[in-house]
Amino acid sequence: MSKKSKVGKVLAVGLIAGVVAILVAMWKASKPIEDPWENEPGVATPQEPLDSREASVEEIREIIEDDK
C-alpha cells in the first residue's frame, strides 16, 4: 500500500468527521431555547393553621400506616 493512498484515506475520514461536526453544531444551534422567565410561578398562598390539639401516638401510627 502506498503512502499516498493512506494520506488520502486519512484526509477523507477527517473531512467527513468535520462535515458531521458542522452539521451537529448547526442542528444544536437551530433548536429553540427555553426562556426561564417565561413561566413565572404564581404567588404562594399561606397554609391555613391546623388544629392546635396534639395527636395521639395511635393516630400518628394510623396516618403512617395509611401512607404506606
N, C-alpha and C. Protein backbone atom coordinates (compact mmCIF):
# COMPACT_ATOMS: atom_id res chain seq x y z
N MET A 1 0.85 -1.17 0.00
CA MET A 1 0.00 0.00 0.00
C MET A 1 0.90 1.23 0.00
N SER A 2 0.59 2.17 -0.85
CA SER A 2 1.46 3.34 -0.96
C SER A 2 1.10 4.40 0.07
N LYS A 3 2.04 5.30 0.27
CA LYS A 3 1.87 6.35 1.26
C LYS A 3 0.76 7.31 0.83
N LYS A 4 0.60 7.50 -0.48
CA LYS A 4 -0.40 8.42 -1.00
C LYS A 4 -1.81 7.96 -0.64
N SER A 5 -2.09 6.68 -0.77
CA SER A 5 -3.45 6.21 -0.51
C SER A 5 -3.79 6.29 0.98
N LYS A 6 -2.80 6.08 1.86
CA LYS A 6 -3.04 6.21 3.29
C LYS A 6 -3.37 7.66 3.65
N VAL A 7 -2.63 8.58 3.08
CA VAL A 7 -2.87 10.00 3.36
C VAL A 7 -4.23 10.41 2.83
N GLY A 8 -4.60 9.91 1.68
CA GLY A 8 -5.90 10.22 1.09
C GLY A 8 -7.04 9.70 1.95
N LYS A 9 -6.89 8.49 2.49
CA LYS A 9 -7.93 7.93 3.35
C LYS A 9 -8.06 8.73 4.65
N VAL A 10 -6.93 9.12 5.23
CA VAL A 10 -6.96 9.91 6.45
C VAL A 10 -7.62 11.26 6.20
N LEU A 11 -7.30 11.89 5.09
CA LEU A 11 -7.92 13.17 4.76
C LEU A 11 -9.42 13.01 4.52
N ALA A 12 -9.84 11.95 3.88
CA ALA A 12 -11.25 11.72 3.61
C ALA A 12 -12.02 11.51 4.91
N VAL A 13 -11.46 10.71 5.81
CA VAL A 13 -12.11 10.47 7.10
C VAL A 13 -12.18 11.78 7.91
N GLY A 14 -11.11 12.55 7.88
CA GLY A 14 -11.10 13.84 8.57
C GLY A 14 -12.12 14.81 8.00
N LEU A 15 -12.24 14.82 6.69
CA LEU A 15 -13.22 15.69 6.03
C LEU A 15 -14.64 15.29 6.39
N ILE A 16 -14.92 14.00 6.38
CA ILE A 16 -16.26 13.51 6.74
C ILE A 16 -16.56 13.85 8.20
N ALA A 17 -15.58 13.65 9.09
CA ALA A 17 -15.79 13.96 10.50
C ALA A 17 -16.04 15.45 10.70
N GLY A 18 -15.34 16.29 9.95
CA GLY A 18 -15.55 17.73 10.04
C GLY A 18 -16.94 18.14 9.58
N VAL A 19 -17.40 17.55 8.48
CA VAL A 19 -18.74 17.85 7.98
C VAL A 19 -19.80 17.41 8.99
N VAL A 20 -19.62 16.24 9.58
CA VAL A 20 -20.57 15.75 10.58
C VAL A 20 -20.59 16.70 11.79
N ALA A 21 -19.41 17.16 12.23
CA ALA A 21 -19.34 18.07 13.36
C ALA A 21 -20.05 19.39 13.05
N ILE A 22 -19.90 19.89 11.86
CA ILE A 22 -20.57 21.13 11.46
C ILE A 22 -22.08 20.93 11.43
N LEU A 23 -22.53 19.80 10.90
CA LEU A 23 -23.97 19.53 10.84
C LEU A 23 -24.57 19.41 12.24
N VAL A 24 -23.86 18.76 13.16
CA VAL A 24 -24.35 18.63 14.54
C VAL A 24 -24.41 20.00 15.20
N ALA A 25 -23.41 20.84 14.98
CA ALA A 25 -23.40 22.19 15.55
C ALA A 25 -24.56 23.02 15.01
N MET A 26 -24.83 22.90 13.72
CA MET A 26 -25.95 23.64 13.12
C MET A 26 -27.28 23.14 13.67
N TRP A 27 -27.41 21.84 13.86
CA TRP A 27 -28.65 21.27 14.41
C TRP A 27 -28.89 21.75 15.83
N LYS A 28 -27.83 21.75 16.66
CA LYS A 28 -27.97 22.21 18.04
C LYS A 28 -28.30 23.70 18.09
N ALA A 29 -27.73 24.49 17.19
CA ALA A 29 -27.98 25.93 17.18
C ALA A 29 -29.41 26.24 16.74
N SER A 30 -30.03 25.36 15.96
CA SER A 30 -31.37 25.62 15.45
C SER A 30 -32.46 25.22 16.43
N LYS A 31 -32.11 24.51 17.50
CA LYS A 31 -33.12 24.10 18.48
C LYS A 31 -33.60 25.32 19.26
N PRO A 32 -34.90 25.39 19.59
CA PRO A 32 -35.40 26.54 20.34
C PRO A 32 -34.83 26.57 21.76
N ILE A 33 -34.61 27.76 22.26
CA ILE A 33 -34.08 27.95 23.60
C ILE A 33 -35.23 28.30 24.52
N GLU A 34 -35.35 27.59 25.66
CA GLU A 34 -36.43 27.86 26.60
C GLU A 34 -36.07 29.08 27.43
N ASP A 35 -37.04 30.00 27.55
CA ASP A 35 -36.85 31.19 28.35
C ASP A 35 -37.20 30.87 29.80
N PRO A 36 -36.24 30.96 30.73
CA PRO A 36 -36.55 30.60 32.12
C PRO A 36 -37.53 31.56 32.78
N TRP A 37 -37.70 32.75 32.24
CA TRP A 37 -38.59 33.74 32.85
C TRP A 37 -39.98 33.71 32.22
N GLU A 38 -40.19 32.83 31.24
CA GLU A 38 -41.47 32.79 30.54
C GLU A 38 -42.62 32.35 31.46
N ASN A 39 -42.41 31.31 32.21
CA ASN A 39 -43.45 30.79 33.08
C ASN A 39 -43.09 31.08 34.54
N GLU A 40 -43.42 32.28 34.98
CA GLU A 40 -43.12 32.64 36.37
C GLU A 40 -44.09 31.94 37.30
N PRO A 41 -43.61 31.47 38.43
CA PRO A 41 -44.52 30.81 39.38
C PRO A 41 -45.50 31.81 39.98
N GLY A 42 -46.67 31.29 40.33
CA GLY A 42 -47.69 32.14 40.93
C GLY A 42 -47.33 32.52 42.36
N VAL A 43 -48.10 33.42 42.89
CA VAL A 43 -47.86 33.87 44.26
C VAL A 43 -48.31 32.76 45.21
N ALA A 44 -47.46 32.43 46.16
CA ALA A 44 -47.77 31.37 47.11
C ALA A 44 -48.76 31.89 48.15
N THR A 45 -49.73 31.06 48.47
CA THR A 45 -50.70 31.44 49.50
C THR A 45 -50.31 30.76 50.80
N PRO A 46 -50.48 31.44 51.92
CA PRO A 46 -50.09 30.82 53.19
C PRO A 46 -51.01 29.65 53.53
N GLN A 47 -50.44 28.68 54.19
CA GLN A 47 -51.20 27.49 54.58
C GLN A 47 -52.06 27.81 55.80
N GLU A 48 -53.27 27.29 55.80
CA GLU A 48 -54.17 27.51 56.92
C GLU A 48 -53.63 26.79 58.16
N PRO A 49 -53.73 27.39 59.32
CA PRO A 49 -53.23 26.71 60.53
C PRO A 49 -54.07 25.47 60.85
N LEU A 50 -53.42 24.47 61.36
CA LEU A 50 -54.09 23.24 61.75
C LEU A 50 -54.65 23.39 63.16
N ASP A 51 -55.46 22.42 63.54
CA ASP A 51 -55.98 22.44 64.90
C ASP A 51 -54.82 22.44 65.89
N SER A 52 -55.02 23.09 67.01
CA SER A 52 -53.93 23.18 67.97
C SER A 52 -53.84 21.95 68.87
N ARG A 53 -54.79 21.04 68.75
CA ARG A 53 -54.74 19.86 69.62
C ARG A 53 -53.62 18.94 69.16
N GLU A 54 -53.07 18.19 70.09
CA GLU A 54 -51.98 17.28 69.77
C GLU A 54 -52.56 15.93 69.40
N ALA A 55 -51.93 15.29 68.43
CA ALA A 55 -52.38 13.96 68.00
C ALA A 55 -51.80 12.91 68.94
N SER A 56 -52.57 11.85 69.14
CA SER A 56 -52.07 10.77 69.98
C SER A 56 -51.13 9.89 69.18
N VAL A 57 -50.40 9.07 69.87
CA VAL A 57 -49.45 8.16 69.22
C VAL A 57 -50.20 7.21 68.29
N GLU A 58 -51.37 6.75 68.70
CA GLU A 58 -52.16 5.83 67.87
C GLU A 58 -52.61 6.51 66.58
N GLU A 59 -53.01 7.77 66.64
CA GLU A 59 -53.44 8.50 65.44
C GLU A 59 -52.27 8.66 64.47
N ILE A 60 -51.10 8.94 65.03
CA ILE A 60 -49.92 9.09 64.17
C ILE A 60 -49.57 7.76 63.51
N ARG A 61 -49.66 6.68 64.25
CA ARG A 61 -49.38 5.35 63.67
C ARG A 61 -50.37 5.03 62.56
N GLU A 62 -51.64 5.37 62.73
CA GLU A 62 -52.65 5.13 61.70
C GLU A 62 -52.34 5.94 60.44
N ILE A 63 -51.93 7.17 60.64
CA ILE A 63 -51.60 8.02 59.47
C ILE A 63 -50.41 7.43 58.72
N ILE A 64 -49.41 6.98 59.45
CA ILE A 64 -48.22 6.40 58.81
C ILE A 64 -48.59 5.12 58.07
N GLU A 65 -49.43 4.30 58.66
CA GLU A 65 -49.85 3.05 58.03
C GLU A 65 -50.66 3.34 56.77
N ASP A 66 -51.48 4.38 56.79
CA ASP A 66 -52.29 4.74 55.62
C ASP A 66 -51.42 5.21 54.46
N ASP A 67 -50.28 5.84 54.78
CA ASP A 67 -49.39 6.35 53.75
C ASP A 67 -48.59 5.25 53.08
N LYS A 68 -48.44 4.10 53.73
CA LYS A 68 -47.63 3.02 53.16
C LYS A 68 -48.35 2.34 52.08
